Amino acid sequence: MKKLKPYLVTFAVCAAFTISLLSAYGVFEQTDKVEVIKNLSDSFIVPGIMALGLGLLFFGTNGGAFDMLAFGVIKLFDVLKKDLTKVKYRDFYEYKQSREGKKREFLYLVLVGLLFLVVGLIFTFIYDGMV
């Protein structure tokens, strides 16, 4: 159950976002089938791309793509401290060593995002066939 929890939470958040988009589009009051399918497509694609994009950002972060930027921001805030002897990391190597075991899971975001994206694309193909 512990490994399933991130998938369920991500799915629930994406589903809630989809329902809120559907509500904002007024799908529950619409009678035109073409318009409903178009709005279903949009409402599934948006949270799918957001979850997938966040998962890919985590993937890049795990690979070290943003380490130098994060270290630079930390050093910038270190300069603003009153006591410069109490800095957290002396150099980039020390920062990289501290980050070595801190990898974030990202597969749940990618898979749930792909699921919502595929459902949205299916609705898009249905919409294209109707128009």
Foldseek 3Di string as FASTA:
>chain_A
DVVCVVLVVLLVVLVVQLVVQCVVLVLVPDDDPLSNLLSNLVSLLVSLCVLQVVLVVLVCVLVPVCLVVVVVVLVVVCVVDPDNVPRPDPDSVRSCVVCNVVRDDRVSSNVSSVVSNVSSVVSVVVSVVVD
